Amino acid sequence: MYELLGNFSIYALSAFGVFIIAMLIIILVTKHKEFQLIAQGNQAAALSFGGKLLGIAFVLGSAITHSVSLVDMIIWGFVGLLAQLIFYIGSELITIRFSISKAIEQDNKAVGILLLLLSLSIGWIVAACLSY
């Protein structure tokens, strides 16, 4: 019983640590200031940021379930973060007609929803790939 509780605690704390690091990296990489925009009531920023966090959580959940070790889980958590960042930067590059970052700053909810769904999709795909 105590061993199970210990394993749970180690995996949970490690996953939360990866999650917080991922959140901080996302904040640093995006051009707009997400927390500042969210504090101002910007729903597009909340949708976009929340989608990235859920995408990371999908990957971490799958990594916890399918990992062969704690290090394996942590590595796959960062792979999920990398996938989210690549697709965010890629989406900024392929939307030539408008800037995603500026659209978020202008509270364009359609763009926020699109980024939310893109992040969830990427997280779900990466999570599904984590079955050995």
C-alpha atoms as a PDB file:
ATOM      1  CA  MET A   1       0.000   0.000   0.000  1.00  0.00           C
ATOM      2  CA  TYR A   2       2.721   2.460   0.961  1.00  0.00           C
ATOM      3  CA  GLU A   3       4.681   1.623  -2.177  1.00  0.00           C
ATOM      4  CA  LEU A   4       1.637   2.437  -4.331  1.00  0.00           C
ATOM      5  CA  LEU A   5       1.149   5.718  -2.514  1.00  0.00           C
ATOM      6  CA  GLY A   6       4.837   6.513  -2.972  1.00  0.00           C
ATOM      7  CA  ASN A   7       4.701   5.752  -6.701  1.00  0.00           C
ATOM      8  CA  PHE A   8       1.549   7.844  -7.062  1.00  0.00           C
ATOM      9  CA  SER A   9       3.185  10.765  -5.263  1.00  0.00           C
ATOM     10  CA  ILE A  10       6.381  10.606  -7.313  1.00  0.00           C
ATOM     11  CA  TYR A  11       4.545  10.398 -10.638  1.00  0.00           C
ATOM     12  CA  ALA A  12       1.996  13.071  -9.682  1.00  0.00           C
ATOM     13  CA  LEU A  13       4.620  15.528  -8.447  1.00  0.00           C
ATOM     14  CA  SER A  14       6.807  14.899 -11.499  1.00  0.00           C
ATOM     15  CA  ALA A  15       3.878  15.320 -13.890  1.00  0.00           C
ATOM     16  CA  PHE A  16       2.788  18.540 -12.163  1.00  0.00           C
ATOM     17  CA  GLY A  17       6.385  19.756 -12.371  1.00  0.00           C
ATOM     18  CA  VAL A  18       6.540  19.052 -16.114  1.00  0.00           C
ATOM     19  CA  PHE A  19       3.123  20.713 -16.497  1.00  0.00           C
ATOM     20  CA  ILE A  20       4.263  23.887 -14.712  1.00  0.00           C
ATOM     21  CA  ILE A  21       7.524  24.004 -16.696  1.00  0.00           C
ATOM     22  CA  ALA A  22       5.526  23.545 -19.913  1.00  0.00           C
ATOM     23  CA  MET A  23       3.173  26.360 -18.887  1.00  0.00           C
ATOM     24  CA  LEU A  24       6.103  28.701 -18.236  1.00  0.00           C
ATOM     25  CA  ILE A  25       7.769  27.817 -21.545  1.00  0.00           C
ATOM     26  CA  ILE A  26       4.512  28.431 -23.420  1.00  0.00           C
ATOM     27  CA  ILE A  27       4.247  31.843 -21.743  1.00  0.00           C
ATOM     28  CA  LEU A  28       7.813  32.682 -22.797  1.00  0.00           C
ATOM     29  CA  VAL A  29       7.417  31.497 -26.399  1.00  0.00           C
ATOM     30  CA  THR A  30       4.134  33.195 -27.316  1.00  0.00           C
ATOM     31  CA  LYS A  31       4.396  36.740 -28.591  1.00  0.00           C
ATOM     32  CA  HIS A  32       1.440  38.021 -26.601  1.00  0.00           C
ATOM     33  CA  LYS A  33       1.237  38.255 -22.811  1.00  0.00           C
ATOM     34  CA  GLU A  34      -1.378  35.601 -22.040  1.00  0.00           C
ATOM     35  CA  PHE A  35      -1.917  36.203 -18.323  1.00  0.00           C
ATOM     36  CA  GLN A  36      -2.139  39.950 -18.827  1.00  0.00           C
ATOM     37  CA  LEU A  37      -4.702  39.486 -21.613  1.00  0.00           C
ATOM     38  CA  ILE A  38      -6.673  36.946 -19.581  1.00  0.00           C
ATOM     39  CA  ALA A  39      -6.697  39.311 -16.591  1.00  0.00           C
ATOM     40  CA  GLN A  40      -8.215  41.929 -18.916  1.00  0.00           C
ATOM     41  CA  GLY A  41     -11.009  39.525 -19.854  1.00  0.00           C
ATOM     42  CA  ASN A  42      -9.598  38.430 -23.203  1.00  0.00           C
ATOM     43  CA  GLN A  43     -11.485  35.208 -23.930  1.00  0.00           C
ATOM     44  CA  ALA A  44      -9.474  34.347 -27.042  1.00  0.00           C
ATOM     45  CA  ALA A  45      -6.270  34.292 -24.962  1.00  0.00           C
ATOM     46  CA  ALA A  46      -7.949  32.106 -22.343  1.00  0.00           C
ATOM     47  CA  LEU A  47      -9.198  29.663 -24.993  1.00  0.00           C
ATOM     48  CA  SER A  48      -5.827  29.475 -26.712  1.00  0.00           C
ATOM     49  CA  PHE A  49      -3.804  29.099 -23.513  1.00  0.00           C
ATOM     50  CA  GLY A  50      -6.263  26.648 -21.982  1.00  0.00           C
ATOM     51  CA  GLY A  51      -6.116  24.497 -25.106  1.00  0.00           C
ATOM     52  CA  LYS A  52      -2.345  24.294 -24.920  1.00  0.00           C
ATOM     53  CA  LEU A  53      -2.542  23.269 -21.268  1.00  0.00           C
ATOM     54  CA  LEU A  54      -5.152  20.596 -21.980  1.00  0.00           C
ATOM     55  CA  GLY A  55      -3.041  19.304 -24.872  1.00  0.00           C
ATOM     56  CA  ILE A  56      -0.079  18.950 -22.518  1.00  0.00           C
ATOM     57  CA  ALA A  57      -2.295  17.284 -19.902  1.00  0.00           C
ATOM     58  CA  PHE A  58      -3.483  14.699 -22.482  1.00  0.00           C
ATOM     59  CA  VAL A  59       0.121  13.814 -23.262  1.00  0.00           C
ATOM     60  CA  LEU A  60       1.125  13.645 -19.601  1.00  0.00           C
ATOM     61  CA  GLY A  61      -1.850  11.446 -18.766  1.00  0.00           C
ATOM     62  CA  SER A  62      -0.965   9.034 -21.543  1.00  0.00           C
ATOM     63  CA  ALA A  63       2.722   9.147 -20.605  1.00  0.00           C
ATOM     64  CA  ILE A  64       1.887   8.259 -17.009  1.00  0.00           C
ATOM     65  CA  THR A  65      -0.279   5.358 -18.176  1.00  0.00           C
ATOM     66  CA  HIS A  66       2.126   3.962 -20.754  1.00  0.00           C
ATOM     67  CA  SER A  67       5.590   4.896 -19.510  1.00  0.00           C
ATOM     68  CA  VAL A  68       8.059   2.260 -18.462  1.00  0.00           C
ATOM     69  CA  SER A  69       9.753   4.535 -15.939  1.00  0.00           C
ATOM     70  CA  LEU A  70       9.568   7.963 -14.363  1.00  0.00           C
ATOM     71  CA  VAL A  71      12.246   9.298 -16.731  1.00  0.00           C
ATOM     72  CA  ASP A  72      10.296   7.923 -19.699  1.00  0.00           C
ATOM     73  CA  MET A  73       7.174   9.783 -18.516  1.00  0.00           C
ATOM     74  CA  ILE A  74       9.084  13.040 -18.116  1.00  0.00           C
ATOM     75  CA  ILE A  75      10.686  12.720 -21.560  1.00  0.00           C
ATOM     76  CA  TRP A  76       7.305  12.119 -23.225  1.00  0.00           C
ATOM     77  CA  GLY A  77       5.834  15.071 -21.344  1.00  0.00           C
ATOM     78  CA  PHE A  78       8.443  17.319 -22.916  1.00  0.00           C
ATOM     79  CA  VAL A  79       7.841  15.700 -26.330  1.00  0.00           C
ATOM     80  CA  GLY A  80       4.208  16.770 -25.952  1.00  0.00           C
ATOM     81  CA  LEU A  81       5.308  20.313 -25.130  1.00  0.00           C
ATOM     82  CA  LEU A  82       7.612  20.357 -28.143  1.00  0.00           C
ATOM     83  CA  ALA A  83       4.769  19.182 -30.395  1.00  0.00           C
ATOM     84  CA  GLN A  84       2.499  21.950 -29.067  1.00  0.00           C
ATOM     85  CA  LEU A  85       5.170  24.589 -29.670  1.00  0.00           C
ATOM     86  CA  ILE A  86       5.979  23.341 -33.174  1.00  0.00           C
ATOM     87  CA  PHE A  87       2.344  23.432 -34.197  1.00  0.00           C
ATOM     88  CA  TYR A  88       1.788  26.858 -32.598  1.00  0.00           C
ATOM     89  CA  ILE A  89       4.770  28.330 -34.459  1.00  0.00           C
ATOM     90  CA  GLY A  90       3.740  26.482 -37.623  1.00  0.00           C
ATOM     91  CA  SER A  91       0.213  27.852 -37.418  1.00  0.00           C
ATOM     92  CA  GLU A  92       1.637  31.375 -37.123  1.00  0.00           C
ATOM     93  CA  LEU A  93       3.677  30.736 -40.288  1.00  0.00           C
ATOM     94  CA  ILE A  94       0.859  29.285 -42.411  1.00  0.00           C
ATOM     95  CA  THR A  95      -1.656  32.022 -41.623  1.00  0.00           C
ATOM     96  CA  ILE A  96      -0.133  34.553 -43.970  1.00  0.00           C
ATOM     97  CA  ARG A  97      -3.220  36.753 -44.159  1.00  0.00           C
ATOM     98  CA  PHE A  98      -3.254  37.549 -40.439  1.00  0.00           C
ATOM     99  CA  SER A  99      -1.146  37.276 -37.319  1.00  0.00           C
ATOM    100  CA  ILE A 100      -2.471  34.770 -34.801  1.00  0.00           C
ATOM    101  CA  SER A 101      -0.815  36.663 -31.973  1.00  0.00           C
ATOM    102  CA  LYS A 102      -2.439  39.962 -33.008  1.00  0.00           C
ATOM    103  CA  ALA A 103      -5.807  38.228 -33.409  1.00  0.00           C
ATOM    104  CA  ILE A 104      -5.516  36.901 -29.847  1.00  0.00           C
ATOM    105  CA  GLU A 105      -4.580  40.364 -28.563  1.00  0.00           C
ATOM    106  CA  GLN A 106      -7.692  41.721 -30.325  1.00  0.00           C
ATOM    107  CA  ASP A 107      -9.814  39.043 -28.595  1.00  0.00           C
ATOM    108  CA  ASN A 108     -10.743  37.292 -31.840  1.00  0.00           C
ATOM    109  CA  LYS A 109     -12.666  34.388 -30.330  1.00  0.00           C
ATOM    110  CA  ALA A 110     -12.762  32.470 -33.616  1.00  0.00           C
ATOM    111  CA  VAL A 111      -8.958  32.318 -33.613  1.00  0.00           C
ATOM    112  CA  GLY A 112      -8.952  31.422 -29.905  1.00  0.00           C
ATOM    113  CA  ILE A 113     -11.350  28.529 -30.536  1.00  0.00           C
ATOM    114  CA  LEU A 114      -9.310  27.368 -33.527  1.00  0.00           C
ATOM    115  CA  LEU A 115      -6.117  27.347 -31.432  1.00  0.00           C
ATOM    116  CA  LEU A 116      -7.935  25.567 -28.600  1.00  0.00           C
ATOM    117  CA  LEU A 117      -9.065  22.810 -30.952  1.00  0.00           C
ATOM    118  CA  LEU A 118      -5.674  22.611 -32.673  1.00  0.00           C
ATOM    119  CA  SER A 119      -3.913  22.207 -29.315  1.00  0.00           C
ATOM    120  CA  LEU A 120      -6.389  19.555 -28.165  1.00  0.00           C
ATOM    121  CA  SER A 121      -5.996  17.694 -31.449  1.00  0.00           C
ATOM    122  CA  ILE A 122      -2.206  17.729 -31.261  1.00  0.00           C
ATOM    123  CA  GLY A 123      -2.251  16.637 -27.624  1.00  0.00           C
ATOM    124  CA  TRP A 124      -4.686  13.807 -28.387  1.00  0.00           C
ATOM    125  CA  ILE A 125      -2.615  12.561 -31.345  1.00  0.00           C
ATOM    126  CA  VAL A 126       0.669  12.658 -29.421  1.00  0.00           C
ATOM    127  CA  ALA A 127      -1.013  10.986 -26.423  1.00  0.00           C
ATOM    128  CA  ALA A 128      -2.335   8.187 -28.649  1.00  0.00           C
ATOM    129  CA  CYS A 129       1.165   7.629 -30.060  1.00  0.00           C
ATOM    130  CA  LEU A 130       2.469   6.827 -26.578  1.00  0.00           C
ATOM    131  CA  SER A 131       1.277   3.237 -26.524  1.00  0.00           C
ATOM    132  CA  TYR A 132       4.246   0.904 -26.736  1.00  0.00           C
END
